[in-house]
Amino acid sequence: MKQTANPISLRTPDFSREIRVVKQCLVVGAILALLTCIGYLLQANQLTISLLYLLVVVGVASFVGFGPASFTSILAVLLLDYYFEPPLFSFAVASPAIFVALVTFEITALAISRLQARELRGAREAAAYRAGMEKLYELSRSSLLLDLRQPPGPQLVLLIQRVFDARAVALFDANLGRLDKAGNWRADEDDLAKRCYFRDAVRDDPQTHTFERMLRAGSQRLGALVVRGKVSPLVIDALASLSSIAIERHQSCENEDRAEAAKRSEQLRAAVMDALAHEFKTPLTAVQTASSGLLELGGLTDSQAELVKLIDDQAIRLNELCTRLLQTAKLDPKRVDLNTDDVNVQELAVELLAEAPVNGDKSRIQVKVDEPALTVRVDRKLLSMILTQYIDNARKYSTPGTPIEIAACKSHGEVLISVHNFGPSIRIEERERIFDRFYRSEEIKNTIPGTGIGLSVVRKAAEAHRGHVWVISNDKEGTTFFLSLPDGEGRAR
């Protein structure tokens, strides 16, 4: 088989720069020759011709560069020595003035050429900065048109690559947990942006023109951006800021959508609960009336009386649950009419305990109020409902036989009421969520009965009084639910 040899491509050297320098030197030599001829014919003195030569050196250094200017200074000194320095028509040096002239010409050429190079470099940097700012302006305008309903990463990497003509762009969005890329990346660079995020450090590689930047919003890390291309580091920092803004806008849009959906869902839940509670109230009242009537009539056997008592107790419990559902629906509107009155906290707590069902738990509940005359202006029914819910929770979730303490005091212009018990602690990530409607902890939802409604009603009732609720809990100190109310009249909403 005949093999065809690969042709060897010969690269032709490029002498265009050398040719250009030679031409410049020839032009400079012609100018110096003309000045020398004129000065010799007019019998100019050394000072005059030296100044003319110096002007030529300055001009060449300003517009051409140090190489041709250095050639000009050496040629000018030789001409000065040969035609104007005694002995004439000889390169013999009889005076050190020639050396002074040479040093002066060279220093002038060096200084002027360096100033010219600095000016040119500054002009190039200014042009590059101006071009970068124009591209940043274009990018900022285009980023305002991003579809915020979609992930910003795929849109941003394509936009940055197009506007800045970057070879490759990668962006890691920590909120969405996704990595988006554009351009050509090596196999070992697939997760470069993700590694930058977890490393939490910026890095520049001048050899490959790769720039890594963190995306932040204040102290919060949003992700990381990696750009490969001939882009100024200042522009890269601005790109990172614009990318962070775009990610923040997307997150804000998502939060708005989520809040709107939650609002609509909450309104639907309130409407459904209101309707169901009203529908359940009538038959429950009939059942409770019938069971209470049977107990009053008597004549039942012990077994029958026990069953009727069970029916009566459960009817009462269901009736209370319906009442809470109705209270929740009432507290949802923006304005709630409060029937406020001065309520003695200690008397209310004692009254609630007296009305509670008789069982062994009542003996372990203690009431401790710093001032027996402590009063707060609130809606009595709502405050009773809050305390009843707190006490029921303490009895339900506390360790059997351990004390439960109801306390109240004044603190910094507020009346602080608390219910403390010993039992399983509430995890820190759940201490806010347990006040959400229908939320129940995974650890107890299948072991202790409940609906997840009570504490949500407590929070809404507290907010109706311009108060707030919270809980602290740990294994050693136990769990304490707090209610804080303004020391004055609650504001109706």
Protein backbone atom coordinates (compact mmCIF):
# COMPACT_ATOMS: atom_id res chain seq x y z
CA MET A 1 0.00 0.00 0.00
CA LYS A 2 1.34 3.36 -0.96
CA GLN A 3 1.42 5.82 1.90
CA THR A 4 1.06 9.51 1.30
CA ALA A 5 3.45 11.58 3.35
CA ASN A 6 1.98 14.38 5.35
CA PRO A 7 3.01 17.70 3.85
CA ILE A 8 5.25 19.78 6.09
CA SER A 9 3.96 23.30 6.41
CA LEU A 10 6.77 25.87 6.47
CA ARG A 11 6.00 29.02 8.40
CA THR A 12 7.30 32.13 6.68
CA PRO A 13 9.00 34.51 9.14
CA ASP A 14 7.30 37.85 9.53
CA PHE A 15 9.81 40.67 9.09
CA SER A 16 7.24 43.46 8.84
CA ARG A 17 8.23 44.97 12.18
CA GLU A 18 11.94 44.95 11.36
CA ILE A 19 11.28 46.49 7.96
CA ARG A 20 9.16 49.20 9.57
CA VAL A 21 11.97 50.04 12.05
CA VAL A 22 14.54 50.21 9.23
CA LYS A 23 12.31 52.61 7.29
CA GLN A 24 11.89 54.78 10.40
CA CYS A 25 15.66 54.90 10.92
CA LEU A 26 16.22 55.85 7.27
CA VAL A 27 13.69 58.69 7.58
CA VAL A 28 15.33 59.90 10.80
CA GLY A 29 18.78 59.71 9.15
CA ALA A 30 17.51 61.81 6.23
CA ILE A 31 16.10 64.45 8.61
CA LEU A 32 19.37 64.63 10.56
CA ALA A 33 21.36 64.86 7.30
CA LEU A 34 19.19 67.74 6.11
CA LEU A 35 19.58 69.59 9.43
CA THR A 36 23.36 68.97 9.37
CA CYS A 37 23.65 70.30 5.82
CA ILE A 38 21.66 73.43 6.63
CA GLY A 39 23.56 74.03 9.87
CA TYR A 40 26.93 73.56 8.16
CA LEU A 41 26.07 75.94 5.30
CA LEU A 42 24.75 78.55 7.76
CA GLN A 43 27.75 77.97 10.04
CA ALA A 44 25.51 77.32 13.06
CA ASN A 45 27.25 76.98 16.39
CA GLN A 46 27.27 73.81 18.48
CA LEU A 47 24.52 74.97 20.84
CA THR A 48 22.07 75.71 18.04
CA ILE A 49 22.62 72.48 16.17
CA SER A 50 22.51 70.49 19.45
CA LEU A 51 19.10 71.94 20.27
CA LEU A 52 17.83 71.05 16.77
CA TYR A 53 19.14 67.50 17.17
CA LEU A 54 17.48 67.32 20.62
CA LEU A 55 14.13 68.34 19.10
CA VAL A 56 14.44 65.51 16.60
CA VAL A 57 15.22 63.02 19.42
CA VAL A 58 12.19 64.24 21.39
CA GLY A 59 9.94 63.93 18.34
CA VAL A 60 11.13 60.43 17.47
CA ALA A 61 10.83 59.28 21.12
CA SER A 62 7.30 60.73 21.33
CA PHE A 63 5.86 59.27 18.15
CA VAL A 64 8.00 56.23 17.31
CA GLY A 65 9.63 54.74 20.40
CA PHE A 66 12.84 54.25 22.31
CA GLY A 67 14.70 52.11 19.69
CA PRO A 68 14.57 54.61 16.83
CA ALA A 69 15.06 57.47 19.33
CA SER A 70 18.24 55.84 20.68
CA PHE A 71 19.50 55.40 17.10
CA THR A 72 18.69 59.06 16.47
CA SER A 73 20.62 60.24 19.52
CA ILE A 74 23.75 58.22 18.59
CA LEU A 75 23.65 59.39 14.96
CA ALA A 76 23.12 63.00 16.07
CA VAL A 77 26.17 62.85 18.39
CA LEU A 78 28.32 61.41 15.58
CA LEU A 79 27.22 64.17 13.18
CA LEU A 80 27.77 66.80 15.86
CA ASP A 81 31.26 65.51 16.54
CA TYR A 82 32.23 65.19 12.85
CA TYR A 83 30.90 68.46 11.44
CA PHE A 84 30.74 70.90 14.36
CA GLU A 85 33.22 69.79 17.03
CA PRO A 86 36.94 70.72 16.44
CA PRO A 87 38.87 69.16 14.88
CA LEU A 88 36.31 69.18 12.04
CA PHE A 89 35.75 66.20 9.79
CA SER A 90 37.15 63.88 12.41
CA PHE A 91 35.65 61.66 15.07
CA ALA A 92 38.40 62.56 17.50
CA VAL A 93 37.01 63.81 20.81
CA ALA A 94 38.73 66.89 22.11
CA SER A 95 36.06 67.93 24.65
CA PRO A 96 33.82 66.01 27.06
CA ALA A 97 30.85 68.02 25.75
CA ILE A 98 30.22 65.30 23.19
CA PHE A 99 29.70 62.72 25.91
CA VAL A 100 27.42 65.12 27.77
CA ALA A 101 25.38 65.54 24.60
CA LEU A 102 25.19 61.77 24.09
CA VAL A 103 24.02 61.17 27.68
CA THR A 104 21.53 64.04 27.40
CA PHE A 105 20.09 62.69 24.14
CA GLU A 106 19.81 59.14 25.51
CA ILE A 107 18.19 60.21 28.78
CA THR A 108 15.75 62.39 26.85
CA ALA A 109 14.91 59.53 24.49
CA LEU A 110 14.42 57.12 27.39
CA ALA A 111 12.26 59.50 29.45
CA ILE A 112 10.07 60.60 26.54
CA SER A 113 9.59 57.04 25.27
CA ARG A 114 8.64 55.79 28.74
CA LEU A 115 6.13 58.59 29.15
CA GLN A 116 4.74 57.81 25.71
CA ALA A 117 4.50 54.09 26.52
CA ARG A 118 2.73 54.86 29.80
CA GLU A 119 0.31 57.16 28.02
CA LEU A 120 -0.42 54.55 25.37
CA ARG A 121 -0.91 51.89 28.01
CA GLY A 122 -3.27 54.16 29.92
CA ALA A 123 -5.18 54.91 26.74
CA ARG A 124 -5.51 51.20 25.97
CA GLU A 125 -6.67 50.47 29.52
CA ALA A 126 -9.17 53.33 29.35
CA ALA A 127 -10.48 52.05 26.03
CA ALA A 128 -10.76 48.53 27.43
CA TYR A 129 -12.48 49.84 30.56
CA ARG A 130 -14.89 51.90 28.48
CA ALA A 131 -15.66 48.88 26.31
CA GLY A 132 -16.16 46.77 29.44
CA MET A 133 -18.53 49.34 30.92
CA GLU A 134 -20.52 49.43 27.70
CA LYS A 135 -20.83 45.65 27.77
CA LEU A 136 -21.77 45.73 31.44
CA TYR A 137 -24.47 48.27 30.66
CA GLU A 138 -25.77 46.01 27.91
CA LEU A 139 -25.68 43.03 30.27
CA SER A 140 -27.48 44.93 33.05
CA ARG A 141 -30.23 45.98 30.63
CA SER A 142 -30.57 42.45 29.30
CA SER A 143 -30.62 40.97 32.83
CA LEU A 144 -33.70 43.07 33.61
CA LEU A 145 -35.50 41.17 30.86
CA LEU A 146 -34.75 37.73 32.31
CA ASP A 147 -37.72 35.44 32.87
CA LEU A 148 -37.78 35.33 36.68
CA ARG A 149 -40.25 32.44 36.63
CA GLN A 150 -37.44 30.26 35.25
CA PRO A 151 -34.06 29.42 36.87
CA PRO A 152 -31.65 32.34 36.20
CA GLY A 153 -28.53 30.18 35.68
CA PRO A 154 -29.10 29.00 32.08
CA GLN A 155 -30.10 32.49 31.02
CA LEU A 156 -27.15 34.22 32.71
CA VAL A 157 -24.37 31.98 31.36
CA LEU A 158 -25.57 32.38 27.76
CA LEU A 159 -25.99 36.13 28.22
CA ILE A 160 -22.50 36.61 29.70
CA GLN A 161 -20.90 34.49 26.99
CA ARG A 162 -22.66 36.42 24.21
CA VAL A 163 -22.06 39.94 25.53
CA PHE A 164 -18.43 39.47 26.62
CA ASP A 165 -17.45 36.93 23.96
CA ALA A 166 -16.17 34.61 26.71
CA ARG A 167 -14.81 31.20 25.81
CA ALA A 168 -16.69 29.50 28.67
CA VAL A 169 -18.97 30.45 31.56
CA ALA A 170 -20.23 28.39 34.52
CA LEU A 171 -22.62 29.39 37.32
CA PHE A 172 -23.61 27.46 40.44
CA ASP A 173 -26.89 28.49 42.10
CA ALA A 174 -26.79 27.26 45.71
CA ASN A 175 -30.47 28.03 46.33
CA LEU A 176 -31.62 25.77 43.49
CA GLY A 177 -28.64 23.41 43.81
CA ARG A 178 -28.00 23.48 40.05
CA LEU A 179 -24.91 24.05 37.90
CA ASP A 180 -25.25 25.70 34.47
CA LYS A 181 -22.50 25.97 31.85
CA ALA A 182 -21.88 27.50 28.44
CA GLY A 183 -18.86 27.09 26.16
CA ASN A 184 -16.18 24.42 26.19
CA TRP A 185 -15.04 22.98 29.51
CA ARG A 186 -12.69 20.06 30.06
CA ALA A 187 -14.00 16.92 31.72
CA ASP A 188 -12.15 17.72 34.96
CA GLU A 189 -13.71 21.19 35.02
CA ASP A 190 -17.36 20.15 34.98
CA ASP A 191 -17.93 21.15 38.61
CA LEU A 192 -15.42 24.03 38.78
CA ALA A 193 -18.06 26.56 39.87
CA LYS A 194 -19.39 24.20 42.53
CA ARG A 195 -15.86 23.64 43.89
CA CYS A 196 -15.37 27.43 44.00
CA TYR A 197 -18.56 27.77 46.08
CA PHE A 198 -17.58 25.14 48.63
CA ARG A 199 -14.01 26.50 48.77
CA ASP A 200 -15.47 30.00 49.43
CA ALA A 201 -12.51 31.75 47.82
CA VAL A 202 -11.85 33.77 44.67
CA ARG A 203 -9.05 32.75 42.32
CA ASP A 204 -7.60 34.10 39.05
CA ASP A 205 -5.48 32.14 36.58
CA PRO A 206 -3.68 34.59 34.22
CA GLN A 207 -2.38 31.79 32.01
CA THR A 208 -5.79 30.37 31.09
CA HIS A 209 -7.66 33.67 31.72
CA THR A 210 -9.98 31.88 34.16
CA PHE A 211 -11.64 33.93 36.87
CA GLU A 212 -13.56 32.46 39.84
CA ARG A 213 -15.87 34.64 41.91
CA MET A 214 -18.27 34.05 44.81
CA LEU A 215 -21.85 35.32 44.51
CA ARG A 216 -23.03 36.97 47.71
CA ALA A 217 -25.90 39.01 49.10
CA GLY A 218 -24.41 40.65 52.16
CA SER A 219 -22.95 37.82 54.21
CA GLN A 220 -25.13 35.15 52.55
CA ARG A 221 -23.52 32.97 49.89
CA LEU A 222 -25.72 32.59 46.81
CA GLY A 223 -23.39 30.62 44.53
CA ALA A 224 -20.29 30.96 42.37
CA LEU A 225 -19.40 32.28 38.90
CA VAL A 226 -16.47 31.13 36.71
CA VAL A 227 -15.62 32.99 33.48
CA ARG A 228 -12.89 32.05 30.99
CA GLY A 229 -11.90 34.75 28.53
CA LYS A 230 -9.98 38.00 28.13
CA VAL A 231 -11.99 40.05 30.59
CA SER A 232 -10.77 42.65 33.11
CA PRO A 233 -10.82 41.51 36.77
CA LEU A 234 -12.83 44.65 37.59
CA VAL A 235 -15.42 43.64 35.02
CA ILE A 236 -15.49 40.12 36.48
CA ASP A 237 -16.34 41.58 39.92
CA ALA A 238 -19.16 43.59 38.36
CA LEU A 239 -20.40 40.45 36.57
CA ALA A 240 -20.51 38.63 39.90
CA SER A 241 -22.55 41.47 41.43
CA LEU A 242 -25.03 41.49 38.54
CA SER A 243 -25.37 37.71 38.75
CA SER A 244 -26.03 37.94 42.50
CA ILE A 245 -28.74 40.55 41.88
CA ALA A 246 -30.39 38.34 39.25
CA ILE A 247 -30.41 35.34 41.61
CA GLU A 248 -31.83 37.49 44.42
CA ARG A 249 -34.59 38.76 42.13
CA HIS A 250 -35.46 35.19 41.18
CA GLN A 251 -35.61 34.18 44.86
CA SER A 252 -37.82 37.19 45.65
CA CYS A 253 -40.14 36.27 42.79
CA GLU A 254 -40.34 32.69 44.06
CA ASN A 255 -41.08 33.91 47.59
CA GLU A 256 -43.84 36.19 46.32
CA ASP A 257 -45.42 33.35 44.38
CA ARG A 258 -45.15 31.05 47.39
CA ALA A 259 -46.64 33.68 49.69
CA GLU A 260 -49.51 34.33 47.30
CA ALA A 261 -50.22 30.62 46.97
CA ALA A 262 -50.09 30.21 50.75
CA LYS A 263 -52.46 33.14 51.16
CA ARG A 264 -54.99 31.65 48.74
CA SER A 265 -54.63 28.23 50.39
CA GLU A 266 -55.11 29.77 53.83
CA GLN A 267 -58.23 31.60 52.70
CA LEU A 268 -59.64 28.38 51.26
CA ARG A 269 -58.85 26.48 54.46
CA ALA A 270 -60.52 29.15 56.59
CA ALA A 271 -63.65 29.06 54.44
CA VAL A 272 -63.83 25.25 54.53
CA MET A 273 -63.24 25.09 58.29
CA ASP A 274 -65.87 27.74 58.92
CA ALA A 275 -68.42 25.84 56.86
CA LEU A 276 -67.57 22.46 58.41
CA ALA A 277 -67.60 23.81 61.95
CA HIS A 278 -71.05 25.32 61.47
CA GLU A 279 -72.35 22.10 59.92
CA PHE A 280 -70.95 20.01 62.78
CA LYS A 281 -72.23 22.28 65.55
CA THR A 282 -75.95 21.38 65.18
CA PRO A 283 -75.68 17.55 65.29
CA LEU A 284 -73.03 17.72 68.04
CA THR A 285 -75.31 19.88 70.16
CA ALA A 286 -78.12 17.35 69.67
CA VAL A 287 -75.83 14.43 70.61
CA GLN A 288 -74.54 16.24 73.69
CA THR A 289 -78.08 17.18 74.77
CA ALA A 290 -79.28 13.58 74.36
CA SER A 291 -76.35 12.07 76.25
CA SER A 292 -76.66 14.59 79.08
CA GLY A 293 -80.41 13.90 79.21
CA LEU A 294 -79.86 10.15 79.51
CA LEU A 295 -77.43 10.70 82.36
CA GLU A 296 -79.92 12.98 84.11
CA LEU A 297 -82.85 10.51 83.72
CA GLY A 298 -80.85 7.70 85.31
CA GLY A 299 -82.06 4.11 85.36
CA LEU A 300 -79.03 2.94 83.37
CA THR A 301 -76.87 0.01 84.23
CA ASP A 302 -73.27 0.69 85.07
CA SER A 303 -72.10 -0.36 81.61
CA GLN A 304 -74.74 1.75 79.90
CA ALA A 305 -73.93 4.76 82.07
CA GLU A 306 -70.22 4.39 81.27
CA LEU A 307 -70.93 4.28 77.52
CA VAL A 308 -73.26 7.29 77.67
CA LYS A 309 -70.63 9.19 79.73
CA LEU A 310 -68.05 8.38 77.05
CA ILE A 311 -70.41 9.68 74.35
CA ASP A 312 -71.03 12.86 76.38
CA ASP A 313 -67.30 13.51 76.96
CA GLN A 314 -66.40 13.01 73.31
CA ALA A 315 -69.30 15.20 72.18
CA ILE A 316 -68.01 17.95 74.46
CA ARG A 317 -64.50 17.51 73.01
CA LEU A 318 -65.78 17.67 69.43
CA ASN A 319 -67.82 20.73 70.30
CA GLU A 320 -64.71 22.46 71.68
CA LEU A 321 -62.80 21.53 68.53
CA CYS A 322 -65.52 23.06 66.34
CA THR A 323 -65.40 26.19 68.50
CA ARG A 324 -61.67 26.47 67.90
CA LEU A 325 -62.18 26.05 64.17
CA LEU A 326 -64.70 28.88 64.19
CA GLN A 327 -62.33 31.04 66.24
CA THR A 328 -59.56 30.38 63.73
CA ALA A 329 -61.79 31.42 60.84
CA LYS A 330 -62.80 34.59 62.71
CA LEU A 331 -59.20 35.56 63.45
CA ASP A 332 -58.13 35.32 59.81
CA PRO A 333 -59.58 38.66 58.59
CA LYS A 334 -57.40 41.75 58.90
CA ARG A 335 -59.65 43.37 61.48
CA VAL A 336 -60.87 41.58 64.59
CA ASP A 337 -63.33 43.17 67.01
CA LEU A 338 -62.06 42.62 70.54
CA ASN A 339 -64.34 42.87 73.57
CA THR A 340 -61.63 44.11 75.88
CA ASP A 341 -61.85 44.27 79.66
CA ASP A 342 -59.48 44.37 82.63
CA VAL A 343 -58.75 40.73 83.46
CA ASN A 344 -56.96 39.56 86.62
CA VAL A 345 -54.47 36.96 85.39
CA GLN A 346 -54.30 34.92 88.62
CA GLU A 347 -58.08 34.76 89.04
CA LEU A 348 -58.52 33.71 85.40
CA ALA A 349 -55.94 30.91 85.73
CA VAL A 350 -57.56 29.59 88.93
CA GLU A 351 -60.98 29.74 87.31
CA LEU A 352 -59.81 27.77 84.26
CA LEU A 353 -58.27 25.10 86.48
CA ALA A 354 -61.49 24.82 88.49
CA GLU A 355 -63.53 24.33 85.30
CA ALA A 356 -61.12 21.71 83.92
CA PRO A 357 -62.16 18.03 84.09
CA VAL A 358 -61.31 16.42 87.41
CA ASN A 359 -58.34 14.10 87.11
CA GLY A 360 -54.99 13.49 88.71
CA ASP A 361 -53.27 16.15 86.59
CA LYS A 362 -54.94 19.09 88.36
CA SER A 363 -52.92 18.57 91.56
CA ARG A 364 -49.59 19.05 89.78
CA ILE A 365 -50.50 22.42 88.25
CA GLN A 366 -49.29 25.47 90.18
CA VAL A 367 -50.06 29.16 89.61
CA LYS A 368 -47.34 31.69 90.46
CA VAL A 369 -48.08 35.38 89.82
CA ASP A 370 -45.68 38.04 91.10
CA GLU A 371 -48.52 40.44 91.86
CA PRO A 372 -51.91 38.94 92.76
CA ALA A 373 -53.57 42.14 91.51
CA LEU A 374 -51.85 41.90 88.10
CA THR A 375 -54.39 42.71 85.39
CA VAL A 376 -54.21 43.05 81.62
CA ARG A 377 -56.75 44.64 79.28
CA VAL A 378 -57.70 41.92 76.81
CA ASP A 379 -60.58 39.99 75.32
CA ARG A 380 -61.35 37.60 78.18
CA LYS A 381 -62.60 34.77 75.95
CA LEU A 382 -59.50 34.85 73.75
CA LEU A 383 -57.11 34.96 76.72
CA SER A 384 -59.01 32.04 78.29
CA MET A 385 -58.66 30.12 75.05
CA ILE A 386 -54.88 30.81 74.93
CA LEU A 387 -54.29 29.68 78.51
CA THR A 388 -56.52 26.63 78.09
CA GLN A 389 -54.54 25.58 75.00
CA TYR A 390 -51.19 26.09 76.77
CA ILE A 391 -52.37 24.09 79.81
CA ASP A 392 -53.80 21.28 77.64
CA ASN A 393 -50.52 21.05 75.72
CA ALA A 394 -48.51 20.93 78.96
CA ARG A 395 -50.68 18.12 80.34
CA LYS A 396 -50.65 16.19 77.08
CA TYR A 397 -46.92 16.33 76.30
CA SER A 398 -45.31 16.50 79.76
CA THR A 399 -43.88 13.56 81.63
CA PRO A 400 -46.59 12.10 83.93
CA GLY A 401 -46.30 13.25 87.53
CA THR A 402 -43.99 16.20 86.81
CA PRO A 403 -45.10 19.71 87.87
CA ILE A 404 -46.70 22.23 85.52
CA GLU A 405 -46.30 25.90 86.40
CA ILE A 406 -48.40 28.85 85.21
CA ALA A 407 -46.56 32.14 85.83
CA ALA A 408 -47.20 35.81 85.07
CA CYS A 409 -45.28 39.04 85.61
CA LYS A 410 -44.72 42.54 84.25
CA SER A 411 -41.60 43.08 82.16
CA HIS A 412 -40.55 46.17 80.17
CA GLY A 413 -44.05 47.47 79.57
CA GLU A 414 -45.50 44.04 78.82
CA VAL A 415 -47.40 41.35 80.72
CA LEU A 416 -45.55 38.07 80.30
CA ILE A 417 -47.54 34.85 80.85
CA SER A 418 -45.85 31.44 80.65
CA VAL A 419 -46.72 27.76 81.08
CA HIS A 420 -43.80 25.46 81.91
CA ASN A 421 -43.59 21.67 81.91
CA PHE A 422 -41.03 18.87 81.86
CA GLY A 423 -41.16 16.49 78.94
CA PRO A 424 -39.71 15.80 75.49
CA SER A 425 -37.91 18.89 74.13
CA ILE A 426 -38.97 20.64 70.94
CA ARG A 427 -36.30 20.81 68.26
CA ILE A 428 -35.09 24.32 67.47
CA GLU A 429 -36.13 24.10 63.80
CA GLU A 430 -39.73 23.30 64.89
CA ARG A 431 -40.21 26.00 67.53
CA GLU A 432 -41.64 28.44 65.01
CA ARG A 433 -43.45 25.93 62.84
CA ILE A 434 -45.54 24.43 65.67
CA PHE A 435 -47.56 27.67 65.61
CA ASP A 436 -48.47 27.04 61.95
CA ARG A 437 -51.90 25.64 61.26
CA PHE A 438 -52.09 21.84 61.01
CA TYR A 439 -48.36 21.38 61.67
CA ARG A 440 -47.41 18.53 63.99
CA SER A 441 -43.95 17.17 64.73
CA GLU A 442 -43.06 13.93 62.99
CA GLU A 443 -41.86 12.50 66.32
CA ILE A 444 -45.25 12.73 68.07
CA LYS A 445 -47.89 12.98 65.35
CA ASN A 446 -48.40 9.21 65.31
CA THR A 447 -48.20 8.66 69.09
CA ILE A 448 -50.13 11.55 70.67
CA PRO A 449 -53.52 12.56 69.24
CA GLY A 450 -54.01 16.12 68.03
CA THR A 451 -55.09 18.31 65.12
CA GLY A 452 -52.37 20.97 64.91
CA ILE A 453 -54.97 23.73 65.15
CA GLY A 454 -54.74 24.92 68.77
CA LEU A 455 -51.39 26.75 68.68
CA SER A 456 -52.21 28.44 65.37
CA VAL A 457 -55.32 29.91 67.02
CA VAL A 458 -53.16 30.98 69.98
CA ARG A 459 -50.80 32.91 67.73
CA LYS A 460 -53.62 34.66 65.85
CA ALA A 461 -55.33 35.59 69.13
CA ALA A 462 -52.05 37.03 70.46
CA GLU A 463 -51.49 39.02 67.26
CA ALA A 464 -55.02 40.42 67.53
CA HIS A 465 -53.88 41.95 70.86
CA ARG A 466 -50.57 43.21 69.38
CA GLY A 467 -48.83 40.47 71.33
CA HIS A 468 -46.69 37.54 70.32
CA VAL A 469 -46.01 33.94 71.34
CA TRP A 470 -42.93 31.76 71.38
CA VAL A 471 -41.45 28.68 73.03
CA ILE A 472 -38.10 27.70 74.51
CA SER A 473 -37.22 24.07 75.15
CA ASN A 474 -34.34 21.82 76.10
CA ASP A 475 -33.95 18.43 77.75
CA LYS A 476 -32.55 19.83 81.00
CA GLU A 477 -34.80 22.85 81.70
CA GLY A 478 -38.00 21.58 80.10
CA THR A 479 -40.41 23.41 77.79
CA THR A 480 -41.95 26.84 78.38
CA PHE A 481 -44.61 28.47 76.20
CA PHE A 482 -44.77 32.27 76.46
CA LEU A 483 -47.43 34.88 75.74
CA SER A 484 -46.47 38.54 75.71
CA LEU A 485 -49.22 41.20 75.80
CA PRO A 486 -48.93 45.00 75.88
CA ASP A 487 -49.46 46.45 79.36
CA GLY A 488 -52.53 48.37 78.25
CA GLU A 489 -55.52 48.11 76.02
CA GLY A 490 -55.20 45.62 73.15
CA ARG A 491 -55.75 47.18 69.76
CA ALA A 492 -58.73 45.92 67.81
CA ARG A 493 -58.04 44.99 64.25
